[in-house]
N, C-alpha and C. Protein backbone atom coordinates (compact mmCIF):
# COMPACT_ATOMS: atom_id res chain seq x y z
N MET A 1 0.93 -0.89 0.03
CA MET A 1 -0.01 0.06 0.03
C MET A 1 0.94 1.41 0.00
N ARG A 2 2.07 1.27 0.74
CA ARG A 2 2.83 2.52 0.53
C ARG A 2 3.41 2.86 -0.89
N VAL A 3 3.77 1.61 -1.48
CA VAL A 3 4.23 1.71 -2.66
C VAL A 3 3.17 2.42 -3.52
N PHE A 4 1.86 1.90 -3.58
CA PHE A 4 0.94 2.61 -4.28
C PHE A 4 0.95 4.03 -3.92
N ALA A 5 0.84 4.55 -2.86
CA ALA A 5 0.70 5.88 -2.36
C ALA A 5 2.13 6.75 -2.84
N ALA A 6 3.15 6.04 -2.97
CA ALA A 6 4.36 6.79 -3.43
C ALA A 6 4.27 6.91 -4.89
N VAL A 7 3.55 5.91 -5.47
CA VAL A 7 3.61 6.14 -6.91
C VAL A 7 2.56 7.25 -7.33
N LEU A 8 1.52 7.23 -6.60
CA LEU A 8 0.05 8.00 -6.61
C LEU A 8 0.55 9.26 -6.45
N GLY A 9 1.60 9.46 -5.51
CA GLY A 9 2.14 10.94 -5.13
C GLY A 9 2.94 11.47 -6.28
N LEU A 10 3.76 10.48 -6.94
CA LEU A 10 4.63 10.74 -8.06
C LEU A 10 3.72 11.10 -9.22
N LEU A 11 2.84 10.64 -9.50
CA LEU A 11 2.00 10.76 -10.58
C LEU A 11 1.19 12.05 -10.26
N ASN A 12 0.69 12.21 -9.27
CA ASN A 12 -0.11 13.49 -9.21
C ASN A 12 0.94 14.78 -9.21
N ALA A 13 2.23 14.78 -8.71
CA ALA A 13 3.17 15.72 -8.90
C ALA A 13 3.70 15.71 -10.53
N LEU A 14 3.90 14.95 -11.12
CA LEU A 14 4.31 15.18 -12.37
C LEU A 14 3.62 15.08 -13.71
N LEU A 15 2.43 13.99 -13.54
CA LEU A 15 1.74 13.68 -14.86
C LEU A 15 0.46 14.79 -14.38
N LYS A 16 -0.24 15.21 -13.43
CA LYS A 16 -1.31 15.68 -13.22
C LYS A 16 -1.55 16.73 -13.80
N PRO A 17 -0.35 17.62 -13.51
CA PRO A 17 -0.42 19.18 -13.94
C PRO A 17 -0.57 19.25 -15.44
N LEU A 18 0.31 18.17 -16.32
CA LEU A 18 0.34 18.11 -17.78
C LEU A 18 -0.89 18.03 -18.29
N LEU A 19 -1.72 16.78 -17.50
CA LEU A 19 -3.02 16.59 -17.95
C LEU A 19 -3.99 17.62 -17.56
N ILE A 20 -4.24 18.54 -16.62
CA ILE A 20 -4.69 19.57 -16.34
C ILE A 20 -4.49 20.26 -17.69
N LEU A 21 -3.23 20.83 -18.12
CA LEU A 21 -2.88 21.57 -18.89
C LEU A 21 -3.88 21.27 -20.42
N PHE A 22 -3.71 20.00 -20.76
CA PHE A 22 -3.99 19.58 -22.06
C PHE A 22 -5.41 19.74 -22.08
N THR A 23 -6.30 19.27 -20.77
CA THR A 23 -7.50 19.12 -20.79
C THR A 23 -8.42 20.27 -20.47
N LEU A 24 -7.59 21.57 -20.28
CA LEU A 24 -8.13 22.68 -19.85
C LEU A 24 -9.51 23.28 -20.45
N PRO A 25 -9.62 23.11 -21.52
CA PRO A 25 -10.89 23.52 -22.27
C PRO A 25 -11.99 22.60 -22.06
N VAL A 26 -11.91 21.45 -21.88
CA VAL A 26 -12.72 20.55 -21.15
C VAL A 26 -13.13 20.93 -19.91
N THR A 27 -12.25 21.08 -18.87
CA THR A 27 -12.26 21.37 -17.65
C THR A 27 -13.15 22.76 -17.29
N VAL A 28 -12.54 23.64 -18.14
CA VAL A 28 -13.64 24.84 -18.07
C VAL A 28 -14.98 24.76 -18.40
N LEU A 29 -15.44 24.20 -19.64
CA LEU A 29 -16.60 23.62 -20.01
C LEU A 29 -17.61 23.08 -18.98
N THR A 30 -16.90 22.11 -18.33
CA THR A 30 -17.56 21.16 -17.43
C THR A 30 -17.60 21.88 -15.61
N LEU A 31 -16.99 23.16 -15.74
CA LEU A 31 -16.84 23.69 -14.63
C LEU A 31 -15.78 23.06 -13.60
N GLY A 32 -14.97 22.42 -14.07
CA GLY A 32 -14.20 21.65 -13.01
C GLY A 32 -14.43 20.09 -12.68
N LEU A 33 -15.54 19.78 -13.19
CA LEU A 33 -15.73 18.41 -12.78
C LEU A 33 -14.92 17.47 -13.56
N PHE A 34 -14.46 17.76 -14.81
CA PHE A 34 -13.45 16.99 -15.65
C PHE A 34 -12.49 16.58 -14.53
N LEU A 35 -11.91 17.37 -13.54
CA LEU A 35 -10.71 16.77 -12.95
C LEU A 35 -11.10 15.91 -12.04
N LEU A 36 -12.19 15.25 -11.76
CA LEU A 36 -12.45 14.01 -11.25
C LEU A 36 -12.12 12.93 -12.09
N VAL A 37 -12.38 13.10 -13.48
CA VAL A 37 -12.07 12.18 -14.49
C VAL A 37 -10.28 12.04 -14.38
N ILE A 38 -9.87 13.08 -14.23
CA ILE A 38 -8.58 13.21 -14.18
C ILE A 38 -7.62 12.62 -13.08
N ASN A 39 -8.32 12.90 -11.97
CA ASN A 39 -8.11 12.02 -10.78
C ASN A 39 -8.20 10.38 -10.69
N ALA A 40 -9.17 9.96 -11.94
CA ALA A 40 -9.48 8.60 -11.94
C ALA A 40 -8.49 8.08 -12.74
N VAL A 41 -8.13 8.80 -13.83
CA VAL A 41 -7.27 8.56 -14.74
C VAL A 41 -5.83 8.11 -14.19
N ILE A 42 -5.29 9.08 -13.14
CA ILE A 42 -4.23 8.93 -12.25
C ILE A 42 -4.10 7.80 -11.47
N VAL A 43 -5.25 7.37 -10.83
CA VAL A 43 -5.62 6.18 -9.77
C VAL A 43 -5.28 4.93 -10.77
N LEU A 44 -5.96 4.94 -11.98
CA LEU A 44 -5.90 3.93 -12.74
C LEU A 44 -4.30 3.60 -13.52
N ILE A 45 -3.66 4.78 -13.79
CA ILE A 45 -2.42 4.53 -14.34
C ILE A 45 -1.50 3.97 -13.30
N ALA A 46 -1.58 4.36 -11.85
CA ALA A 46 -0.94 4.02 -10.69
C ALA A 46 -1.16 2.30 -10.52
N ASP A 47 -2.68 1.95 -10.64
CA ASP A 47 -3.04 0.69 -10.59
C ASP A 47 -2.23 -0.32 -11.57
N GLN A 48 -2.19 0.29 -12.69
CA GLN A 48 -1.46 -0.53 -13.77
C GLN A 48 0.01 -0.54 -13.38
N LEU A 49 0.68 0.49 -12.89
CA LEU A 49 1.93 0.39 -12.68
C LEU A 49 2.41 -0.67 -11.42
N ILE A 50 1.67 -0.94 -10.53
CA ILE A 50 1.98 -1.64 -9.20
C ILE A 50 1.41 -2.91 -9.49
N ASP A 51 2.21 -4.11 -9.51
CA ASP A 51 1.97 -5.47 -9.37
C ASP A 51 1.30 -5.75 -8.11
N GLY A 52 -0.12 -6.46 -8.37
CA GLY A 52 -0.29 -6.99 -6.93
C GLY A 52 -1.41 -6.12 -6.63
N PHE A 53 -1.78 -4.87 -6.99
CA PHE A 53 -2.65 -4.04 -6.46
C PHE A 53 -3.58 -3.74 -7.48
N MET A 54 -5.04 -4.28 -7.15
CA MET A 54 -6.06 -4.25 -8.07
C MET A 54 -7.03 -3.71 -7.56
N LEU A 55 -7.72 -2.70 -8.39
CA LEU A 55 -8.97 -2.08 -7.86
C LEU A 55 -9.83 -2.55 -8.93
N GLU A 56 -11.16 -2.91 -7.85
CA GLU A 56 -12.39 -3.54 -8.76
C GLU A 56 -12.88 -2.15 -9.34
N ARG A 57 -13.09 -1.98 -10.51
CA ARG A 57 -13.48 -0.77 -11.24
C ARG A 57 -15.07 -0.69 -11.09
N PRO A 58 -15.89 -1.59 -11.26
CA PRO A 58 -17.45 -1.23 -11.05
C PRO A 58 -17.91 -1.04 -9.83
N LYS A 59 -17.16 -0.95 -8.86
CA LYS A 59 -17.48 -0.77 -7.50
C LYS A 59 -17.83 0.60 -7.07
N PHE A 60 -18.77 0.77 -6.23
CA PHE A 60 -19.13 2.38 -5.89
C PHE A 60 -18.15 2.76 -4.77
N TRP A 61 -17.48 2.20 -4.38
CA TRP A 61 -16.55 2.44 -3.22
C TRP A 61 -15.10 2.92 -4.05
N TRP A 62 -14.88 2.48 -5.27
CA TRP A 62 -13.73 2.89 -5.96
C TRP A 62 -13.98 4.40 -6.42
N ALA A 63 -15.07 4.79 -6.55
CA ALA A 63 -15.74 6.08 -7.08
C ALA A 63 -15.71 7.11 -5.97
N LEU A 64 -16.19 6.78 -4.74
CA LEU A 64 -16.17 7.28 -3.81
C LEU A 64 -14.81 7.43 -3.15
N GLY A 65 -13.81 6.47 -3.15
CA GLY A 65 -12.45 6.82 -3.22
C GLY A 65 -11.87 8.10 -4.02
N ASN A 66 -12.33 8.20 -4.99
CA ASN A 66 -11.75 8.95 -5.93
C ASN A 66 -12.17 10.44 -5.56
N LEU A 67 -13.44 10.49 -5.19
CA LEU A 67 -13.98 11.89 -4.65
C LEU A 67 -13.31 12.41 -3.16
N CYS A 68 -12.83 11.42 -2.60
CA CYS A 68 -12.17 11.68 -1.15
C CYS A 68 -10.79 12.16 -1.53
N LEU A 69 -10.36 11.56 -2.59
CA LEU A 69 -8.94 12.04 -2.99
C LEU A 69 -8.97 13.39 -3.63
N ASP A 70 -9.65 13.79 -4.25
CA ASP A 70 -10.13 15.13 -4.84
C ASP A 70 -10.16 15.99 -3.70
N PHE A 71 -10.96 15.80 -2.57
CA PHE A 71 -11.23 16.46 -1.70
C PHE A 71 -9.82 16.86 -0.76
N VAL A 72 -9.26 15.66 -0.46
CA VAL A 72 -8.11 15.94 0.32
C VAL A 72 -7.02 16.66 -0.58
N GLN A 73 -6.87 16.39 -1.62
CA GLN A 73 -5.88 17.45 -2.54
C GLN A 73 -6.43 18.92 -2.45
N ARG A 74 -7.77 19.12 -2.15
CA ARG A 74 -8.10 20.81 -2.28
C ARG A 74 -7.84 21.24 -0.89
N ILE A 75 -7.46 20.43 0.09
CA ILE A 75 -7.44 21.04 1.54
C ILE A 75 -6.23 21.99 1.59
N PRO A 76 -4.97 21.54 1.17
CA PRO A 76 -3.99 22.57 1.39
C PRO A 76 -4.20 23.88 0.59
N ASN A 77 -4.94 24.04 -0.59
CA ASN A 77 -5.47 25.36 -1.17
C ASN A 77 -6.28 25.83 -0.35
N ALA A 78 -7.05 25.59 0.07
CA ALA A 78 -7.99 26.39 1.08
C ALA A 78 -7.13 27.34 2.17
N PHE A 79 -6.12 26.52 2.36
CA PHE A 79 -5.66 27.28 3.79
C PHE A 79 -4.60 28.34 3.04
N ASP A 80 -3.93 28.36 1.78
CA ASP A 80 -2.84 29.41 1.49
C ASP A 80 -3.70 30.14 0.38
N GLY A 81 -4.96 29.93 0.25
CA GLY A 81 -5.84 31.01 -0.61
C GLY A 81 -5.31 30.47 -2.12
N GLY A 82 -4.73 29.46 -2.44
CA GLY A 82 -4.44 29.20 -3.87
C GLY A 82 -3.37 29.99 -4.30
N LYS A 83 -2.59 30.35 -3.41
CA LYS A 83 -1.50 31.50 -3.94
C LYS A 83 -0.31 30.38 -4.23
N LYS A 84 0.43 30.98 -5.12
CA LYS A 84 1.68 30.07 -5.70
C LYS A 84 2.89 31.08 -5.05
N ARG A 85 3.76 29.98 -4.35
CA ARG A 85 4.95 30.42 -3.59
C ARG A 85 6.16 30.50 -4.67
N GLU A 86 6.84 31.86 -4.49
CA GLU A 86 7.90 32.05 -5.29
C GLU A 86 9.11 31.08 -5.08
N VAL A 87 9.54 30.49 -6.04
CA VAL A 87 11.09 29.66 -5.93
C VAL A 87 11.97 30.44 -6.07
N ARG A 88 13.26 30.65 -5.26
CA ARG A 88 14.14 31.53 -5.25
C ARG A 88 15.43 30.54 -5.56
């Protein structure tokens, strides 16, 4: 499970910004709901990369986990107002 979390963190840090950039028009048209699809794609990619980790795709709990993941990822932005920090 720790390996899955590490892979998921790396994919969120490296691949998710690119996916958001490429799908920005669709995300704007859906008022941000397409971000849930992007999160699902990231989780599915992590599932494919890790041997022995299986997600049961048609289950309701998998979708609920994706919503929880989206909520947890938005918490830090609520505290800093979404401001970007300068890198020196």
